C-alpha atoms as a PDB file:
ATOM      1  CA  MET A   1       0.000   0.000   0.000  1.00  0.00           C
ATOM      2  CA  ILE A   2       1.247   3.467  -0.821  1.00  0.00           C
ATOM      3  CA  PRO A   3       1.305   5.604   2.365  1.00  0.00           C
ATOM      4  CA  ARG A   4      -1.891   7.636   2.649  1.00  0.00           C
ATOM      5  CA  GLU A   5      -4.378   8.816   5.254  1.00  0.00           C
ATOM      6  CA  LEU A   6      -6.043   5.893   7.011  1.00  0.00           C
ATOM      7  CA  LYS A   7      -9.230   6.181   9.032  1.00  0.00           C
ATOM      8  CA  ILE A   8     -10.132   4.404  12.252  1.00  0.00           C
ATOM      9  CA  GLY A   9     -12.405   1.516  11.317  1.00  0.00           C
ATOM     10  CA  GLU A  10     -10.976   1.163   7.814  1.00  0.00           C
ATOM     11  CA  ILE A  11     -10.460  -2.439   6.736  1.00  0.00           C
ATOM     12  CA  VAL A  12      -7.180  -3.470   5.136  1.00  0.00           C
ATOM     13  CA  GLN A  13      -5.961  -6.905   4.147  1.00  0.00           C
ATOM     14  CA  LEU A  14      -2.558  -8.120   5.263  1.00  0.00           C
ATOM     15  CA  HIS A  15      -0.542  -9.256   2.254  1.00  0.00           C
ATOM     16  CA  PRO A  16       0.216 -12.985   2.579  1.00  0.00           C
ATOM     17  CA  ASP A  17       3.599 -12.736   0.839  1.00  0.00           C
ATOM     18  CA  VAL A  18       5.096  -9.900   2.897  1.00  0.00           C
ATOM     19  CA  CYS A  19       3.328 -10.079   6.266  1.00  0.00           C
ATOM     20  CA  ARG A  20       6.066 -10.346   8.905  1.00  0.00           C
ATOM     21  CA  ASN A  21       3.908 -12.537  11.165  1.00  0.00           C
ATOM     22  CA  GLN A  22       2.530 -15.296   8.969  1.00  0.00           C
ATOM     23  CA  ALA A  23      -0.220 -16.043  11.521  1.00  0.00           C
ATOM     24  CA  PHE A  24      -1.837 -12.824  10.205  1.00  0.00           C
ATOM     25  CA  ALA A  25      -1.125 -13.452   6.496  1.00  0.00           C
ATOM     26  CA  GLY A  26      -4.203 -12.786   4.380  1.00  0.00           C
ATOM     27  CA  CYS A  27      -6.304 -11.614   7.335  1.00  0.00           C
ATOM     28  CA  TYR A  28      -8.555  -8.569   7.261  1.00  0.00           C
ATOM     29  CA  MET A  29      -7.429  -6.001   9.829  1.00  0.00           C
ATOM     30  CA  THR A  30      -9.570  -3.213  11.260  1.00  0.00           C
ATOM     31  CA  VAL A  31      -7.458  -0.074  11.717  1.00  0.00           C
ATOM     32  CA  THR A  32      -7.580   1.288  15.272  1.00  0.00           C
ATOM     33  CA  GLU A  33      -4.613   3.673  15.130  1.00  0.00           C
ATOM     34  CA  PRO A  34      -3.104   5.132  11.962  1.00  0.00           C
ATOM     35  CA  LYS A  35       0.674   5.409  12.420  1.00  0.00           C
ATOM     36  CA  ALA A  36       3.541   6.984  10.486  1.00  0.00           C
ATOM     37  CA  PHE A  37       4.879   3.487   9.690  1.00  0.00           C
ATOM     38  CA  GLY A  38       1.434   2.145   8.682  1.00  0.00           C
ATOM     39  CA  ALA A  39      -1.249   1.200  11.199  1.00  0.00           C
ATOM     40  CA  GLN A  40      -2.123  -0.667  14.334  1.00  0.00           C
ATOM     41  CA  GLY A  41      -5.280  -2.693  14.189  1.00  0.00           C
ATOM     42  CA  PHE A  42      -6.921  -5.960  15.069  1.00  0.00           C
ATOM     43  CA  VAL A  43      -8.074  -9.199  13.551  1.00  0.00           C
ATOM     44  CA  GLN A  44     -11.224 -10.478  15.238  1.00  0.00           C
ATOM     45  CA  ALA A  45     -10.682 -13.960  16.670  1.00  0.00           C
ATOM     46  CA  LEU A  46     -13.279 -16.696  17.004  1.00  0.00           C
ATOM     47  CA  GLY A  47     -14.717 -17.540  20.393  1.00  0.00           C
ATOM     48  CA  GLU A  48     -14.344 -20.907  22.044  1.00  0.00           C
ATOM     49  CA  ALA A  49     -18.057 -21.656  22.197  1.00  0.00           C
ATOM     50  CA  ARG A  50     -21.243 -20.491  20.509  1.00  0.00           C
ATOM     51  CA  ASP A  51     -22.071 -18.087  23.329  1.00  0.00           C
ATOM     52  CA  ALA A  52     -18.553 -16.812  24.024  1.00  0.00           C
ATOM     53  CA  PRO A  53     -17.288 -14.122  21.653  1.00  0.00           C
ATOM     54  CA  GLY A  54     -13.636 -14.136  20.769  1.00  0.00           C
ATOM     55  CA  GLY A  55     -11.110 -11.430  21.399  1.00  0.00           C
ATOM     56  CA  GLN A  56      -8.984  -9.271  19.200  1.00  0.00           C
ATOM     57  CA  ALA A  57      -5.496 -10.121  17.996  1.00  0.00           C
ATOM     58  CA  TYR A  58      -3.644  -6.815  17.576  1.00  0.00           C
ATOM     59  CA  TYR A  59      -0.979  -6.231  14.949  1.00  0.00           C
ATOM     60  CA  ARG A  60       1.235  -3.333  13.885  1.00  0.00           C
ATOM     61  CA  ALA A  61       1.472  -3.421  10.102  1.00  0.00           C
ATOM     62  CA  LYS A  62       3.931  -1.545   7.943  1.00  0.00           C
ATOM     63  CA  TRP A  63       2.658   0.098   4.762  1.00  0.00           C
ATOM     64  CA  GLU A  64       4.087  -2.635   2.560  1.00  0.00           C
ATOM     65  CA  GLU A  65       2.187  -5.316   4.524  1.00  0.00           C
ATOM     66  CA  MET A  66      -1.266  -3.825   3.874  1.00  0.00           C
ATOM     67  CA  GLU A  67      -3.590  -3.559   0.895  1.00  0.00           C
ATOM     68  CA  PRO A  68      -6.726  -1.371   0.866  1.00  0.00           C
ATOM     69  CA  THR A  69     -10.103  -3.108   0.596  1.00  0.00           C
ATOM     70  CA  GLY A  70     -12.316  -0.035   0.267  1.00  0.00           C
ATOM     71  CA  GLY A  71     -14.344  -1.240   3.250  1.00  0.00           C
ATOM     72  CA  MET A  72     -15.168   0.193   6.645  1.00  0.00           C
ATOM     73  CA  ALA A  73     -16.066  -1.800   9.721  1.00  0.00           C
ATOM     74  CA  VAL A  74     -19.565  -1.277  11.096  1.00  0.00           C
ATOM     75  CA  PHE A  75     -18.525  -2.348  14.599  1.00  0.00           C
ATOM     76  CA  VAL A  76     -15.143  -1.544  16.131  1.00  0.00           C
ATOM     77  CA  ILE A  77     -14.464  -3.542  19.289  1.00  0.00           C
ATOM     78  CA  ASP A  78     -12.019  -1.882  21.666  1.00  0.00           C
ATOM     79  CA  HIS A  79     -11.097  -3.917  24.748  1.00  0.00           C
ATOM     80  CA  GLY A  80     -14.572  -5.445  24.949  1.00  0.00           C
ATOM     81  CA  GLU A  81     -16.452  -2.197  24.237  1.00  0.00           C
ATOM     82  CA  VAL A  82     -18.348  -1.989  20.959  1.00  0.00           C
ATOM     83  CA  THR A  83     -18.641   1.306  19.088  1.00  0.00           C
ATOM     84  CA  LYS A  84     -20.658   1.853  15.953  1.00  0.00           C
END
């Protein structure tokens, strides 16, 4: 991704070929903090049971690790609190 203004809640995809942590390769990341180096955001994890929501796996991505999707998250979960 070419450096540009990112918005909180913007959805980017982590490039599977250049993602430094391959556990996140190909995942969609919701931006929570635009940074000079790229962005910090989270990948929503699955819960352990039907009635137990999962948590967020946070990642700091460099510009070259991200690709824009053109999407925005409807819900942004921040430490268990949901904002819309």
